[in-house]
PDB file of N, CA and C in Angstrom:
ATOM      1  N   GLU A   1       2.142 -17.784   5.038  1.00  0.00           N
ATOM      2  CA  GLU A   1       3.069 -17.198   4.115  1.00  0.00           C
ATOM      3  C   GLU A   1       2.250 -16.341   3.132  1.00  0.00           C
ATOM      4  N   CYS A   2       2.499 -15.183   2.826  1.00  0.00           N
ATOM      5  CA  CYS A   2       1.802 -14.501   1.897  1.00  0.00           C
ATOM      6  C   CYS A   2       2.688 -14.075   0.642  1.00  0.00           C
ATOM      7  N   ASP A   3       2.212 -14.690  -0.323  1.00  0.00           N
ATOM      8  CA  ASP A   3       3.045 -14.333  -1.626  1.00  0.00           C
ATOM      9  C   ASP A   3       3.140 -13.033  -2.092  1.00  0.00           C
ATOM     10  N   ALA A   4       2.193 -12.174  -1.828  1.00  0.00           N
ATOM     11  CA  ALA A   4       2.197 -10.834  -2.236  1.00  0.00           C
ATOM     12  C   ALA A   4       3.182 -10.096  -1.696  1.00  0.00           C
ATOM     13  N   PHE A   5       3.556 -10.463  -0.479  1.00  0.00           N
ATOM     14  CA  PHE A   5       4.912  -9.736  -0.036  1.00  0.00           C
ATOM     15  C   PHE A   5       6.289 -10.182  -0.225  1.00  0.00           C
ATOM     16  N   ALA A   6       6.165 -11.436  -1.147  1.00  0.00           N
ATOM     17  CA  ALA A   6       7.540 -12.011  -1.345  1.00  0.00           C
ATOM     18  C   ALA A   6       8.467 -11.328  -2.304  1.00  0.00           C
ATOM     19  N   GLY A   7       9.819 -11.465  -2.303  1.00  0.00           N
ATOM     20  CA  GLY A   7      10.566 -10.855  -3.170  1.00  0.00           C
ATOM     21  C   GLY A   7      11.156  -9.588  -2.708  1.00  0.00           C
ATOM     22  N   ASN A   8      10.838  -8.984  -1.687  1.00  0.00           N
ATOM     23  CA  ASN A   8      11.358  -7.658  -1.204  1.00  0.00           C
ATOM     24  C   ASN A   8      11.484  -7.650   0.262  1.00  0.00           C
ATOM     25  N   SER A   9      12.368  -6.745   0.768  1.00  0.00           N
ATOM     26  CA  SER A   9      12.435  -6.652   2.157  1.00  0.00           C
ATOM     27  C   SER A   9      11.497  -5.525   2.559  1.00  0.00           C
ATOM     28  N   TRP A  10      10.721  -5.633   3.575  1.00  0.00           N
ATOM     29  CA  TRP A  10       9.762  -4.610   4.031  1.00  0.00           C
ATOM     30  C   TRP A  10      10.104  -4.016   5.384  1.00  0.00           C
ATOM     31  N   ASN A  11      10.025  -2.665   5.406  1.00  0.00           N
ATOM     32  CA  ASN A  11      10.141  -1.998   6.645  1.00  0.00           C
ATOM     33  C   ASN A  11       8.958  -1.858   7.594  1.00  0.00           C
ATOM     34  N   GLY A  12       7.886  -1.915   6.873  1.00  0.00           N
ATOM     35  CA  GLY A  12       6.528  -1.839   7.413  1.00  0.00           C
ATOM     36  C   GLY A  12       5.324  -2.323   6.773  1.00  0.00           C
ATOM     37  N   VAL A  13       4.350  -2.792   7.487  1.00  0.00           N
ATOM     38  CA  VAL A  13       3.214  -3.393   6.657  1.00  0.00           C
ATOM     39  C   VAL A  13       1.954  -2.972   7.640  1.00  0.00           C
ATOM     40  N   ALA A  14       0.999  -2.695   7.041  1.00  0.00           N
ATOM     41  CA  ALA A  14      -0.303  -2.146   7.886  1.00  0.00           C
ATOM     42  C   ALA A  14      -1.401  -2.593   7.205  1.00  0.00           C
ATOM     43  N   ALA A  15      -2.427  -3.178   8.033  1.00  0.00           N
ATOM     44  CA  ALA A  15      -3.680  -3.869   7.360  1.00  0.00           C
ATOM     45  C   ALA A  15      -4.947  -3.070   7.764  1.00  0.00           C
ATOM     46  N   GLY A  16      -5.636  -2.727   6.705  1.00  0.00           N
ATOM     47  CA  GLY A  16      -6.990  -2.186   6.951  1.00  0.00           C
ATOM     48  C   GLY A  16      -8.022  -3.190   6.846  1.00  0.00           C
ATOM     49  N   GLN A  17      -9.340  -2.834   6.673  1.00  0.00           N
ATOM     50  CA  GLN A  17     -10.404  -3.652   6.624  1.00  0.00           C
ATOM     51  C   GLN A  17     -10.437  -4.513   5.299  1.00  0.00           C
ATOM     52  N   HIS A  18     -10.110  -3.962   4.284  1.00  0.00           N
ATOM     53  CA  HIS A  18     -10.077  -4.497   2.912  1.00  0.00           C
ATOM     54  C   HIS A  18      -8.842  -4.110   2.019  1.00  0.00           C
ATOM     55  N   HIS A  19      -7.872  -3.653   2.848  1.00  0.00           N
ATOM     56  CA  HIS A  19      -6.487  -3.335   2.064  1.00  0.00           C
ATOM     57  C   HIS A  19      -5.358  -3.361   2.869  1.00  0.00           C
ATOM     58  N   SER A  20      -4.212  -3.506   2.285  1.00  0.00           N
ATOM     59  CA  SER A  20      -3.040  -3.458   3.001  1.00  0.00           C
ATOM     60  C   SER A  20      -1.959  -2.575   2.503  1.00  0.00           C
ATOM     61  N   LEU A  21      -1.018  -2.073   3.132  1.00  0.00           N
ATOM     62  CA  LEU A  21       0.025  -1.139   2.724  1.00  0.00           C
ATOM     63  C   LEU A  21       1.339  -1.711   3.189  1.00  0.00           C
ATOM     64  N   ALA A  22       2.501  -1.424   2.537  1.00  0.00           N
ATOM     65  CA  ALA A  22       3.762  -1.817   3.017  1.00  0.00           C
ATOM     66  C   ALA A  22       4.787  -0.786   2.436  1.00  0.00           C
ATOM     67  N   VAL A  23       5.842  -0.735   3.162  1.00  0.00           N
ATOM     68  CA  VAL A  23       6.838   0.339   3.090  1.00  0.00           C
ATOM     69  C   VAL A  23       8.195  -0.572   2.670  1.00  0.00           C
ATOM     70  N   ASP A  24       8.702  -0.494   1.586  1.00  0.00           N
ATOM     71  CA  ASP A  24       9.884  -1.271   1.382  1.00  0.00           C
ATOM     72  C   ASP A  24      11.147  -0.693   2.009  1.00  0.00           C
ATOM     73  N   GLU A  25      12.166  -1.502   1.907  1.00  0.00           N
ATOM     74  CA  GLU A  25      13.447  -1.017   2.607  1.00  0.00           C
ATOM     75  C   GLU A  25      14.119   0.200   1.972  1.00  0.00           C
ATOM     76  N   SER A  26      13.584   0.787   0.874  1.00  0.00           N
ATOM     77  CA  SER A  26      14.055   2.057   0.418  1.00  0.00           C
ATOM     78  C   SER A  26      12.937   3.137   0.712  1.00  0.00           C
ATOM     79  N   GLY A  27      11.915   2.819   1.413  1.00  0.00           N
ATOM     80  CA  GLY A  27      10.916   3.774   1.862  1.00  0.00           C
ATOM     81  C   GLY A  27      10.072   4.143   0.887  1.00  0.00           C
ATOM     82  N   LYS A  28       9.613   3.195   0.034  1.00  0.00           N
ATOM     83  CA  LYS A  28       8.674   3.468  -1.071  1.00  0.00           C
ATOM     84  C   LYS A  28       7.457   2.713  -0.586  1.00  0.00           C
ATOM     85  N   ALA A  29       6.238   3.336  -0.758  1.00  0.00           N
ATOM     86  CA  ALA A  29       4.917   2.774  -0.336  1.00  0.00           C
ATOM     87  C   ALA A  29       4.344   2.088  -1.464  1.00  0.00           C
ATOM     88  N   HIS A  30       3.734   0.888  -0.900  1.00  0.00           N
ATOM     89  CA  HIS A  30       2.920   0.121  -1.984  1.00  0.00           C
ATOM     90  C   HIS A  30       1.653  -0.270  -1.227  1.00  0.00           C
ATOM     91  N   ALA A  31       0.523  -0.647  -2.246  1.00  0.00           N
ATOM     92  CA  ALA A  31      -0.726  -0.853  -1.630  1.00  0.00           C
ATOM     93  C   ALA A  31      -1.237  -2.089  -2.410  1.00  0.00           C
ATOM     94  N   ILE A  32      -2.205  -2.774  -1.742  1.00  0.00           N
ATOM     95  CA  ILE A  32      -2.882  -3.741  -2.285  1.00  0.00           C
ATOM     96  C   ILE A  32      -4.513  -3.846  -1.665  1.00  0.00           C
ATOM     97  N   GLY A  33      -5.377  -4.252  -2.403  1.00  0.00           N
ATOM     98  CA  GLY A  33      -6.770  -4.383  -1.948  1.00  0.00           C
ATOM     99  C   GLY A  33      -7.778  -3.790  -2.666  1.00  0.00           C
ATOM    100  N   ARG A  34      -8.858  -3.380  -1.952  1.00  0.00           N
ATOM    101  CA  ARG A  34     -10.134  -2.789  -2.454  1.00  0.00           C
ATOM    102  C   ARG A  34      -9.747  -1.283  -2.807  1.00  0.00           C
ATOM    103  N   CYS A  35     -10.165  -0.672  -3.960  1.00  0.00           N
ATOM    104  CA  CYS A  35      -9.770   0.555  -4.263  1.00  0.00           C
ATOM    105  C   CYS A  35     -10.780   1.684  -3.859  1.00  0.00           C
ATOM    106  N   GLU A  36     -11.997   1.191  -3.346  1.00  0.00           N
ATOM    107  CA  GLU A  36     -12.871   2.168  -3.064  1.00  0.00           C
ATOM    108  C   GLU A  36     -12.439   3.411  -2.509  1.00  0.00           C
ATOM    109  N   TYR A  37     -13.190   4.600  -2.649  1.00  0.00           N
ATOM    110  CA  TYR A  37     -12.802   5.743  -1.916  1.00  0.00           C
ATOM    111  C   TYR A  37     -11.534   6.367  -2.084  1.00  0.00           C
ATOM    112  N   GLY A  38     -10.633   5.671  -2.810  1.00  0.00           N
ATOM    113  CA  GLY A  38      -9.359   6.196  -2.970  1.00  0.00           C
ATOM    114  C   GLY A  38      -8.414   5.968  -2.008  1.00  0.00           C
ATOM    115  N   ARG A  39      -8.779   4.924  -1.171  1.00  0.00           N
ATOM    116  CA  ARG A  39      -7.918   4.633   0.002  1.00  0.00           C
ATOM    117  C   ARG A  39      -6.544   4.076  -0.224  1.00  0.00           C
ATOM    118  N   LEU A  40      -6.484   3.446  -1.512  1.00  0.00           N
ATOM    119  CA  LEU A  40      -5.083   3.010  -1.797  1.00  0.00           C
ATOM    120  C   LEU A  40      -4.141   4.103  -2.501  1.00  0.00           C
ATOM    121  N   GLY A  41      -4.726   5.169  -2.921  1.00  0.00           N
ATOM    122  CA  GLY A  41      -3.759   6.332  -3.399  1.00  0.00           C
ATOM    123  C   GLY A  41      -3.275   5.732  -4.773  1.00  0.00           C
ATOM    124  N   LEU A  42      -3.968   5.003  -5.562  1.00  0.00           N
ATOM    125  CA  LEU A  42      -3.705   4.594  -6.886  1.00  0.00           C
ATOM    126  C   LEU A  42      -4.533   5.328  -7.856  1.00  0.00           C
ATOM    127  N   GLY A  43      -5.233   6.441  -7.538  1.00  0.00           N
ATOM    128  CA  GLY A  43      -5.880   7.374  -8.616  1.00  0.00           C
ATOM    129  C   GLY A  43      -7.311   6.466  -9.043  1.00  0.00           C
ATOM    130  N   ASP A  44      -7.880   7.093 -10.005  1.00  0.00           N
ATOM    131  CA  ASP A  44      -9.198   6.547 -10.476  1.00  0.00           C
ATOM    132  C   ASP A  44      -8.919   5.337 -11.318  1.00  0.00           C
ATOM    133  N   ARG A  45      -9.552   4.378 -10.806  1.00  0.00           N
ATOM    134  CA  ARG A  45      -9.136   3.055 -11.520  1.00  0.00           C
ATOM    135  C   ARG A  45     -10.242   1.994 -11.529  1.00  0.00           C
ATOM    136  N   ALA A  46     -10.685   1.226 -12.359  1.00  0.00           N
ATOM    137  CA  ALA A  46     -11.675   0.207 -12.200  1.00  0.00           C
ATOM    138  C   ALA A  46     -10.896  -1.114 -11.710  1.00  0.00           C
ATOM    139  N   GLY A  47     -11.718  -1.603 -10.782  1.00  0.00           N
ATOM    140  CA  GLY A  47     -11.173  -2.895 -10.205  1.00  0.00           C
ATOM    141  C   GLY A  47     -10.096  -2.748  -8.921  1.00  0.00           C
ATOM    142  N   ASP A  48      -9.836  -3.761  -8.294  1.00  0.00           N
ATOM    143  CA  ASP A  48      -8.996  -3.647  -7.018  1.00  0.00           C
ATOM    144  C   ASP A  48      -7.584  -4.107  -7.422  1.00  0.00           C
ATOM    145  N   ALA A  49      -6.646  -3.720  -6.610  1.00  0.00           N
ATOM    146  CA  ALA A  49      -5.126  -3.930  -6.770  1.00  0.00           C
ATOM    147  C   ALA A  49      -5.172  -5.436  -6.193  1.00  0.00           C
ATOM    148  N   GLU A  50      -4.877  -6.329  -6.930  1.00  0.00           N
ATOM    149  CA  GLU A  50      -4.707  -7.678  -6.699  1.00  0.00           C
ATOM    150  C   GLU A  50      -3.161  -8.080  -6.276  1.00  0.00           C
ATOM    151  N   ILE A  51      -2.309  -7.227  -6.770  1.00  0.00           N
ATOM    152  CA  ILE A  51      -0.880  -7.349  -6.296  1.00  0.00           C
ATOM    153  C   ILE A  51      -0.401  -6.006  -5.760  1.00  0.00           C
ATOM    154  N   LEU A  52       0.706  -6.014  -4.915  1.00  0.00           N
ATOM    155  CA  LEU A  52       1.226  -4.899  -4.401  1.00  0.00           C
ATOM    156  C   LEU A  52       1.739  -3.914  -5.528  1.00  0.00           C
ATOM    157  N   GLU A  53       1.186  -2.702  -5.373  1.00  0.00           N
ATOM    158  CA  GLU A  53       1.424  -1.570  -6.484  1.00  0.00           C
ATOM    159  C   GLU A  53       2.082  -0.569  -5.879  1.00  0.00           C
ATOM    160  N   PRO A  54       3.077   0.106  -6.350  1.00  0.00           N
ATOM    161  CA  PRO A  54       3.692   1.276  -5.773  1.00  0.00           C
ATOM    162  C   PRO A  54       2.563   2.551  -5.860  1.00  0.00           C
ATOM    163  N   ILE A  55       2.569   3.293  -4.842  1.00  0.00           N
ATOM    164  CA  ILE A  55       1.434   4.328  -4.863  1.00  0.00           C
ATOM    165  C   ILE A  55       2.246   5.585  -5.432  1.00  0.00           C
ATOM    166  N   PRO A  56       1.783   5.995  -6.647  1.00  0.00           N
ATOM    167  CA  PRO A  56       2.444   6.955  -7.704  1.00  0.00           C
ATOM    168  C   PRO A  56       2.744   8.320  -7.059  1.00  0.00           C
ATOM    169  N   LYS A  57       1.897   8.756  -6.274  1.00  0.00           N
ATOM    170  CA  LYS A  57       2.242  10.175  -5.583  1.00  0.00           C
ATOM    171  C   LYS A  57       3.156  10.170  -4.533  1.00  0.00           C
ATOM    172  N   LEU A  58       3.412   8.846  -4.067  1.00  0.00           N
ATOM    173  CA  LEU A  58       4.568   8.773  -2.963  1.00  0.00           C
ATOM    174  C   LEU A  58       5.979   8.349  -3.309  1.00  0.00           C
ATOM    175  N   GLN A  59       6.071   8.132  -4.800  1.00  0.00           N
ATOM    176  CA  GLN A  59       7.310   7.468  -5.285  1.00  0.00           C
ATOM    177  C   GLN A  59       8.498   8.462  -5.092  1.00  0.00           C
ATOM    178  N   ASN A  60       8.238   9.797  -5.115  1.00  0.00           N
ATOM    179  CA  ASN A  60       9.304  10.690  -4.840  1.00  0.00           C
ATOM    180  C   ASN A  60       9.554  10.930  -3.360  1.00  0.00           C
ATOM    181  N   LYS A  61       8.922  10.343  -2.420  1.00  0.00           N
ATOM    182  CA  LYS A  61       9.080  10.473  -0.973  1.00  0.00           C
ATOM    183  C   LYS A  61       9.624   9.302  -0.424  1.00  0.00           C
ATOM    184  N   THR A  62      10.354   9.494   0.649  1.00  0.00           N
ATOM    185  CA  THR A  62      10.699   8.320   1.487  1.00  0.00           C
ATOM    186  C   THR A  62       9.847   8.477   2.753  1.00  0.00           C
ATOM    187  N   CYS A  63       9.020   7.334   2.775  1.00  0.00           N
ATOM    188  CA  CYS A  63       8.059   7.124   3.954  1.00  0.00           C
ATOM    189  C   CYS A  63       8.873   6.272   5.135  1.00  0.00           C
ATOM    190  N   ILE A  64       8.620   6.960   6.201  1.00  0.00           N
ATOM    191  CA  ILE A  64       9.263   6.169   7.398  1.00  0.00           C
ATOM    192  C   ILE A  64       8.170   5.396   8.185  1.00  0.00           C
ATOM    193  N   SER A  65       6.953   5.628   7.923  1.00  0.00           N
ATOM    194  CA  SER A  65       5.965   4.703   8.544  1.00  0.00           C
ATOM    195  C   SER A  65       4.550   4.826   7.854  1.00  0.00           C
ATOM    196  N   ILE A  66       3.796   3.658   8.148  1.00  0.00           N
ATOM    197  CA  ILE A  66       2.485   3.669   7.539  1.00  0.00           C
ATOM    198  C   ILE A  66       1.523   3.317   8.584  1.00  0.00           C
ATOM    199  N   ALA A  67       0.184   3.715   8.262  1.00  0.00           N
ATOM    200  CA  ALA A  67      -0.862   3.012   9.114  1.00  0.00           C
ATOM    201  C   ALA A  67      -2.097   2.886   8.256  1.00  0.00           C
ATOM    202  N   ALA A  68      -3.119   2.005   8.471  1.00  0.00           N
ATOM    203  CA  ALA A  68      -4.196   1.736   7.737  1.00  0.00           C
ATOM    204  C   ALA A  68      -5.547   1.451   8.713  1.00  0.00           C
ATOM    205  N   GLY A  69      -6.626   2.085   8.437  1.00  0.00           N
ATOM    206  CA  GLY A  69      -7.715   1.933   9.153  1.00  0.00           C
ATOM    207  C   GLY A  69      -8.913   1.201   8.379  1.00  0.00           C
ATOM    208  N   THR A  70      -9.987   1.262   8.864  1.00  0.00           N
ATOM    209  CA  THR A  70     -11.199   0.695   8.183  1.00  0.00           C
ATOM    210  C   THR A  70     -11.386   1.068   6.801  1.00  0.00           C
ATOM    211  N   SER A  71     -11.266   2.347   6.396  1.00  0.00           N
ATOM    212  CA  SER A  71     -11.415   2.923   5.113  1.00  0.00           C
ATOM    213  C   SER A  71     -10.266   4.137   4.837  1.00  0.00           C
ATOM    214  N   ASN A  72      -9.285   3.981   5.355  1.00  0.00           N
ATOM    215  CA  ASN A  72      -8.247   5.005   5.221  1.00  0.00           C
ATOM    216  C   ASN A  72      -6.849   4.600   5.261  1.00  0.00           C
ATOM    217  N   SER A  73      -5.947   5.356   4.677  1.00  0.00           N
ATOM    218  CA  SER A  73      -4.448   4.917   4.875  1.00  0.00           C
ATOM    219  C   SER A  73      -3.576   6.248   5.142  1.00  0.00           C
ATOM    220  N   PHE A  74      -2.662   5.934   5.868  1.00  0.00           N
ATOM    221  CA  PHE A  74      -1.560   7.144   6.067  1.00  0.00           C
ATOM    222  C   PHE A  74      -0.342   6.729   5.746  1.00  0.00           C
ATOM    223  N   ALA A  75       0.576   7.504   5.217  1.00  0.00           N
ATOM    224  CA  ALA A  75       1.975   7.304   5.088  1.00  0.00           C
ATOM    225  C   ALA A  75       2.829   8.448   5.526  1.00  0.00           C
TER     226      ALA A  75
END
């Protein structure tokens, strides 16, 4: 069981080497994990995302699928 994903219904989850992505039932993308290289889409920030956070630039979009690789993310 993973508490990070509790409380919502998820249409998709993708795991990278040090990060994960999720799309909720309304099509909103979220990210958690290491923030290096901008792989999470959370902008310039210090520290990693330790809880699932909405990806700001995708909140006006409806995502239908997601994918994650070693150091990249796609929605």
